[in-house]
Protein backbone atom coordinates (compact mmCIF):
# COMPACT_ATOMS: atom_id res chain seq x y z
CA MET A 1 186.34 -39.08 -187.72
CA SER A 2 183.60 -40.85 -189.70
CA SER A 3 183.98 -41.57 -193.40
CA TYR A 4 181.01 -40.49 -195.50
CA CYS A 5 180.24 -41.35 -199.08
CA VAL A 6 177.87 -39.00 -200.89
CA ILE A 7 176.34 -40.22 -204.14
CA GLY A 8 175.57 -37.30 -206.46
CA SER A 9 177.08 -33.83 -206.93
CA GLY A 10 173.93 -31.84 -207.59
CA ILE A 11 172.73 -29.16 -205.17
CA SER A 12 171.66 -31.74 -202.54
CA GLY A 13 174.84 -33.80 -202.75
CA ALA A 14 177.15 -30.77 -202.82
CA THR A 15 175.35 -29.11 -199.89
CA ILE A 16 175.33 -32.15 -197.60
CA ALA A 17 178.94 -32.98 -198.52
CA ASN A 18 180.01 -29.42 -197.67
CA LEU A 19 178.20 -29.48 -194.30
CA LEU A 20 179.55 -32.91 -193.31
CA SER A 21 183.12 -32.14 -194.41
CA LYS A 22 183.54 -29.68 -191.52
CA LYS A 23 183.74 -32.58 -189.06
CA ASN A 24 184.19 -35.70 -191.18
CA SER A 25 186.04 -37.28 -194.08
CA VAL A 26 183.78 -37.02 -197.15
CA HIS A 27 184.08 -38.41 -200.68
CA VAL A 28 181.64 -37.61 -203.49
CA TYR A 29 180.82 -39.92 -206.41
CA ASP A 30 178.88 -39.00 -209.53
CA LYS A 31 178.17 -40.83 -212.79
CA ALA A 32 178.50 -37.59 -214.78
CA ARG A 33 181.70 -36.06 -216.14
CA GLY A 34 181.50 -33.10 -213.78
CA PRO A 35 179.52 -31.55 -210.91
CA GLY A 36 176.12 -29.91 -211.01
CA GLY A 37 173.50 -32.62 -211.41
CA ARG A 38 170.39 -30.92 -212.76
CA SER A 39 172.26 -27.60 -212.69
CA SER A 40 174.88 -28.79 -215.14
CA PHE A 41 176.66 -26.52 -217.61
CA LYS A 42 177.29 -27.93 -221.08
CA ARG A 43 180.57 -26.48 -222.32
CA PHE A 44 180.50 -25.78 -226.04
CA ASN A 45 183.74 -23.99 -226.86
CA LYS A 46 186.16 -22.71 -224.18
CA SER A 47 184.05 -20.33 -222.05
CA LYS A 48 180.95 -20.72 -224.23
CA GLY A 49 178.23 -23.08 -223.15
CA PHE A 50 174.64 -23.79 -222.18
CA ASP A 51 172.78 -24.05 -218.87
CA HIS A 52 170.97 -27.15 -220.07
CA GLY A 53 169.42 -28.07 -216.73
CA ALA A 54 168.10 -25.67 -214.10
CA GLN A 55 167.91 -22.25 -215.73
CA TYR A 56 168.24 -19.96 -212.74
CA ILE A 57 167.75 -19.66 -208.98
CA SER A 58 164.93 -17.58 -207.51
CA PRO A 59 165.32 -17.83 -203.70
CA LYS A 60 162.18 -17.86 -201.54
CA SER A 61 163.10 -18.79 -197.97
CA ILE A 62 165.02 -16.31 -195.78
CA LYS A 63 167.88 -18.75 -195.07
CA PHE A 64 168.38 -19.63 -198.71
CA LYS A 65 168.25 -15.94 -199.69
CA LYS A 66 171.08 -15.20 -197.24
CA PHE A 67 173.08 -18.13 -198.62
CA ILE A 68 172.63 -16.88 -202.19
CA GLU A 69 173.48 -13.30 -201.21
CA LYS A 70 176.82 -14.49 -199.78
CA LEU A 71 177.67 -16.24 -203.02
CA CYS A 72 176.74 -13.14 -205.00
CA LYS A 73 179.09 -11.04 -202.84
CA LYS A 74 181.86 -13.58 -203.54
CA LYS A 75 181.06 -13.20 -207.27
CA ILE A 76 180.24 -16.88 -207.65
CA LEU A 77 176.65 -16.02 -208.55
CA LYS A 78 175.09 -12.94 -210.14
CA ARG A 79 171.75 -11.53 -211.23
CA TRP A 80 170.50 -12.35 -214.73
CA THR A 81 169.14 -9.11 -216.13
CA GLY A 82 167.67 -8.25 -219.51
CA LYS A 83 164.26 -8.62 -221.09
CA HIS A 84 162.45 -11.75 -219.95
CA LEU A 85 159.21 -12.23 -221.89
CA TYR A 86 156.48 -13.95 -219.90
CA LEU A 87 154.09 -15.36 -222.49
CA ASN A 88 152.46 -18.02 -220.31
CA LYS A 89 148.88 -16.91 -219.69
CA ILE A 90 148.12 -19.66 -217.15
CA LYS A 91 150.84 -18.76 -214.63
CA LYS A 92 150.83 -15.24 -213.22
CA GLU A 93 154.08 -13.32 -213.52
CA ASN A 94 155.70 -12.21 -210.27
CA LYS A 95 157.28 -8.80 -210.93
CA ASN A 96 159.64 -9.30 -207.94
CA HIS A 97 160.85 -12.61 -209.35
CA ILE A 98 164.63 -12.26 -209.56
CA LYS A 99 166.81 -14.63 -211.55
CA ILE A 100 170.20 -15.64 -210.13
CA ILE A 101 172.75 -17.52 -212.24
CA GLY A 102 176.36 -18.68 -211.96
CA CYS A 103 179.01 -16.22 -213.13
CA LYS A 104 180.56 -18.92 -215.34
CA GLY A 105 177.81 -21.56 -215.43
CA ASN A 106 174.90 -22.71 -213.31
CA ASN A 107 177.01 -25.46 -211.77
CA ASP A 108 179.14 -22.76 -210.07
CA ILE A 109 177.20 -23.18 -206.84
CA THR A 110 177.97 -26.90 -206.58
CA LYS A 111 181.58 -26.43 -207.72
CA HIS A 112 182.04 -23.91 -204.91
CA LEU A 113 180.53 -26.20 -202.28
CA ILE A 114 182.71 -29.21 -203.12
CA LYS A 115 185.91 -27.43 -204.16
CA ASN A 116 187.85 -28.87 -201.18
CA ILE A 117 186.23 -32.32 -201.24
CA LYS A 118 187.55 -35.37 -203.07
CA CYS A 119 185.21 -36.05 -205.98
CA ASN A 120 185.09 -39.08 -208.26
CA PHE A 121 183.29 -38.49 -211.54
CA GLN A 122 182.23 -41.02 -214.18
CA SER A 123 181.62 -43.37 -211.24
CA GLU A 124 178.12 -44.84 -211.42
CA LEU A 125 176.92 -46.75 -208.35
CA GLU A 126 175.62 -50.23 -209.21
CA LYS A 127 174.71 -51.81 -205.85
CA ILE A 128 175.09 -51.36 -202.12
CA LYS A 129 175.44 -53.79 -199.21
CA PHE A 130 175.72 -53.31 -195.45
CA VAL A 131 178.57 -55.54 -194.22
CA ASN A 132 180.05 -55.50 -190.68
CA LYS A 133 178.62 -52.04 -189.97
CA LYS A 134 180.14 -50.61 -193.13
CA TRP A 135 178.70 -49.84 -196.53
CA LYS A 136 180.13 -51.81 -199.41
CA LEU A 137 179.67 -49.90 -202.65
CA ASP A 138 180.10 -51.53 -206.05
CA PHE A 139 180.52 -49.18 -209.02
CA LYS A 140 180.06 -49.95 -212.71
CA ASN A 141 183.73 -49.15 -213.37
CA ASN A 142 184.57 -52.29 -211.31
CA GLN A 143 185.61 -50.32 -208.23
CA THR A 144 184.53 -51.42 -204.75
CA LYS A 145 184.66 -48.96 -201.84
CA TYR A 146 183.85 -49.15 -198.13
CA TYR A 147 182.50 -46.30 -195.99
CA ASP A 148 181.08 -45.88 -192.48
CA LYS A 149 178.13 -43.80 -193.62
CA LEU A 150 176.26 -43.40 -196.90
CA ILE A 151 174.23 -40.50 -198.31
CA LEU A 152 172.16 -41.00 -201.46
CA THR A 153 170.89 -38.03 -203.49
CA CYS A 154 169.71 -39.80 -206.65
CA PRO A 155 166.28 -39.45 -208.32
CA PHE A 156 163.48 -41.37 -206.60
CA PRO A 157 163.17 -44.27 -209.12
CA GLN A 158 166.93 -44.93 -208.92
CA LEU A 159 166.91 -44.63 -205.13
CA LYS A 160 164.08 -47.15 -204.83
CA LYS A 161 165.86 -49.64 -207.06
CA ILE A 162 169.18 -49.50 -205.25
CA SER A 163 168.02 -49.20 -201.62
CA LYS A 164 164.69 -51.05 -201.36
CA SER A 165 166.30 -53.76 -199.19
CA PHE A 166 167.38 -51.22 -196.58
CA ILE A 167 164.82 -48.40 -196.47
CA LYS A 168 161.55 -49.40 -194.80
CA ASP A 169 160.27 -45.89 -194.17
CA PRO A 170 156.76 -45.11 -195.55
CA PHE A 171 158.13 -42.48 -197.98
CA ILE A 172 159.81 -45.17 -200.12
CA LYS A 173 156.39 -46.72 -200.84
CA GLN A 174 154.90 -43.53 -202.18
CA LYS A 175 154.22 -43.07 -205.88
CA VAL A 176 156.63 -40.31 -206.81
CA LYS A 177 156.15 -39.43 -210.46
CA MET A 178 159.18 -37.50 -211.66
CA ASP A 179 158.67 -35.39 -214.76
CA ALA A 180 161.01 -35.51 -217.75
CA ASN A 181 162.47 -32.72 -219.85
CA VAL A 182 163.97 -32.63 -223.32
CA THR A 183 166.53 -29.85 -223.76
CA VAL A 184 167.88 -28.74 -227.12
CA MET A 185 170.87 -26.40 -227.37
CA ILE A 186 171.32 -24.51 -230.64
CA GLU A 187 173.75 -22.07 -232.23
CA ILE A 188 172.36 -19.73 -234.89
CA LYS A 189 173.48 -16.56 -236.63
CA LYS A 190 173.07 -13.43 -234.51
CA THR A 191 169.61 -11.85 -234.61
CA ASN A 192 168.29 -8.41 -233.64
CA LYS A 193 166.04 -9.85 -230.92
CA ASN A 194 167.13 -8.26 -227.64
CA VAL A 195 165.47 -10.85 -225.39
CA SER A 196 167.09 -12.83 -222.56
CA SER A 197 164.40 -15.50 -222.20
CA TYR A 198 160.89 -16.58 -223.12
CA LEU A 199 158.37 -18.47 -220.99
CA PHE A 200 155.85 -19.84 -223.48
CA ASN A 201 152.19 -20.74 -223.30
CA ASP A 202 152.60 -23.87 -225.41
CA LYS A 203 152.05 -27.63 -225.05
CA ILE A 204 155.45 -28.51 -226.55
CA LEU A 205 157.99 -25.76 -225.87
CA GLY A 206 158.08 -24.37 -222.35
CA TRP A 207 161.16 -22.17 -222.17
CA ALA A 208 163.93 -20.61 -224.23
CA ALA A 209 167.01 -18.83 -222.88
CA LYS A 210 169.58 -16.80 -224.78
CA GLU A 211 172.94 -17.79 -223.31
CA ASN A 212 174.65 -14.65 -224.69
CA SER A 213 172.43 -12.52 -222.43
CA LYS A 214 174.13 -13.99 -219.34
CA LYS A 215 177.27 -12.03 -220.28
CA ARG A 216 179.72 -14.86 -219.69
CA PHE A 217 181.22 -14.86 -223.15
CA LYS A 218 181.34 -13.02 -226.46
CA SER A 219 180.19 -14.73 -229.63
CA ILE A 220 179.50 -13.76 -233.23
CA ASN A 221 176.54 -16.18 -233.07
CA ASP A 222 173.58 -16.62 -230.73
CA LEU A 223 173.37 -19.60 -228.40
CA TRP A 224 169.90 -20.66 -227.23
CA THR A 225 168.75 -23.30 -224.75
CA LEU A 226 165.28 -24.67 -225.52
CA GLN A 227 163.40 -26.72 -222.95
CA SER A 228 160.25 -28.70 -223.58
CA THR A 229 157.21 -28.88 -221.35
CA SER A 230 157.07 -31.87 -218.99
CA LEU A 231 153.76 -32.89 -220.59
CA TRP A 232 155.46 -33.35 -223.97
CA ALA A 233 158.73 -34.76 -222.59
CA ASN A 234 156.99 -37.44 -220.51
CA LYS A 235 155.68 -38.93 -223.75
CA LYS A 236 158.95 -38.63 -225.67
CA ILE A 237 161.73 -39.27 -223.15
CA ASN A 238 161.99 -43.07 -223.36
CA LYS A 239 162.84 -42.92 -227.06
CA ASN A 240 164.53 -39.53 -227.13
CA LYS A 241 167.98 -40.97 -227.92
CA GLU A 242 166.63 -42.82 -230.95
CA ASN A 243 164.47 -39.89 -232.05
CA LYS A 244 166.73 -37.01 -231.02
CA GLU A 245 166.87 -35.49 -234.52
CA THR A 246 163.08 -35.52 -234.86
CA ASN A 247 162.49 -34.24 -231.31
CA SER A 248 165.10 -31.52 -231.74
CA LYS A 249 163.50 -30.36 -234.99
CA ILE A 250 160.06 -30.17 -233.34
CA LEU A 251 161.38 -27.95 -230.53
CA ILE A 252 163.44 -25.79 -232.90
CA ASP A 253 160.50 -25.27 -235.25
CA GLN A 254 158.31 -24.26 -232.28
CA PHE A 255 160.99 -21.84 -231.15
CA PHE A 256 161.04 -19.94 -234.44
CA LYS A 257 157.26 -20.05 -234.71
CA LEU A 258 156.57 -18.73 -231.19
CA THR A 259 159.31 -16.08 -231.03
CA GLY A 260 158.86 -14.72 -234.53
CA ILE A 261 162.61 -14.97 -235.10
CA LYS A 262 163.32 -15.51 -238.79
CA LYS A 263 164.12 -19.15 -239.42
CA THR A 264 167.78 -19.53 -240.16
CA LYS A 265 170.40 -22.24 -240.55
CA ILE A 266 171.16 -24.18 -237.36
CA LEU A 267 174.93 -24.17 -236.95
CA THR A 268 175.01 -26.51 -233.93
CA THR A 269 172.41 -28.74 -232.29
CA ILE A 270 172.83 -30.68 -229.03
CA ASN A 271 170.00 -32.76 -227.57
CA HIS A 272 169.87 -33.81 -223.91
CA GLY A 273 167.07 -35.78 -222.27
CA TRP A 274 166.39 -35.49 -218.54
CA LYS A 275 164.36 -38.57 -217.63
CA TYR A 276 164.03 -37.58 -213.98
CA SER A 277 164.00 -33.80 -214.10
CA SER A 278 161.76 -32.81 -211.18
CA ASN A 279 158.91 -33.67 -208.84
CA SER A 280 156.25 -30.98 -208.41
CA ARG A 281 154.44 -32.76 -205.55
CA PRO A 282 156.30 -32.39 -202.22
CA LEU A 283 156.47 -35.30 -199.79
CA LYS A 284 155.53 -34.98 -196.12
CA VAL A 285 159.20 -35.40 -195.13
CA LYS A 286 162.19 -33.34 -196.29
CA SER A 287 164.88 -36.01 -195.91
CA TYR A 288 165.60 -39.43 -194.42
CA TRP A 289 168.17 -40.65 -191.88
CA ASN A 290 168.58 -44.13 -190.35
CA THR A 291 170.91 -44.01 -187.34
CA LYS A 292 171.27 -47.81 -187.07
CA LEU A 293 172.34 -48.19 -190.69
CA ASN A 294 174.06 -44.80 -191.01
CA LEU A 295 172.10 -44.29 -194.21
CA GLY A 296 170.71 -40.96 -195.37
CA VAL A 297 168.75 -39.60 -198.33
CA CYS A 298 168.28 -35.99 -199.42
CA ALA A 299 167.10 -34.66 -202.79
CA ASP A 300 165.02 -31.89 -204.32
CA TRP A 301 162.13 -34.29 -205.02
CA PHE A 302 161.37 -34.43 -201.28
CA VAL A 303 160.52 -30.72 -201.29
CA GLY A 304 159.74 -29.54 -204.83
CA PRO A 305 161.00 -28.87 -208.37
CA LYS A 306 163.27 -25.87 -207.72
CA VAL A 307 167.03 -25.76 -206.97
CA GLU A 308 166.22 -24.39 -203.52
CA ALA A 309 164.34 -27.60 -202.71
CA GLY A 310 167.56 -29.63 -202.89
CA TRP A 311 169.36 -27.20 -200.57
CA ILE A 312 166.48 -27.35 -198.05
CA SER A 313 166.47 -31.16 -198.11
CA ALA A 314 170.24 -31.36 -197.53
CA ASN A 315 170.12 -28.94 -194.60
CA ASP A 316 167.23 -30.89 -193.09
CA LEU A 317 169.24 -34.11 -193.33
CA TYR A 318 172.29 -32.50 -191.73
CA LYS A 319 170.18 -31.48 -188.69
CA LYS A 320 169.07 -35.10 -188.27
CA ILE A 321 172.63 -36.42 -188.50
CA ASP A 322 174.15 -33.72 -186.26
CA LYS A 323 171.74 -34.20 -183.33
């Protein structure tokens, strides 16, 4: 039985770990406090929280649709209903566009996939080395681990930095520009607006979602997740930590202005910057596997910006490994 190390617990990492665990020993490492990657759920108070990464899943491919349907039957995922206002005049609205979310949070899908796999959180990988046909992994918490095979699912810039000595494939030389996103989570007094989400036609604010509408919790107040456009975030992300109060205020002001909701006191504000949120330009390959080095890479940025892209990449990698 081979020992695999999977770096990352997002949709790609969780999917490939789940597939490999059927025949192998698999351990997952992630620098975050919990699973989900870009589909993380920010817990606010007990069951209350925000989907501050990927907002929902809208399956396209037949295989992914079947996978999602199974999870819906198991009550891990569910349909997000309600009034979704499509205000973006550039993109055409697809009336058949369904929105699937986690029953407790949008990291439910990854939690389900890795529930029987040993996971190590708050473990950030610092460097890798191939020694005597094994991978030596040094983590920032001063841990050193050895594994037969290594799977990396990190964003492209981080992958390039950590693996440039080992990956010689043409894809690593491509200019992959990953877009950023600034997400602001707010709690305000309950309003009469019966809207689940807004997709805006704005240069600053791209999306707003009312967490209450997902029917996961009851609250006397309204919880909203506001997400910037990538155009705006790309300019602000490098100094978002220093300017989080200013950036948060800009997004909040836009929210009240564009929705027409009466400006009220902000009871809670949480700012989160995603430096490497997504890649909208697919590569010519869906994943990478080096048999000699026992080194693999899968991630959504190979395929596209949606959650489904990460699942497709992981399944593609598993086919290459399981030949």
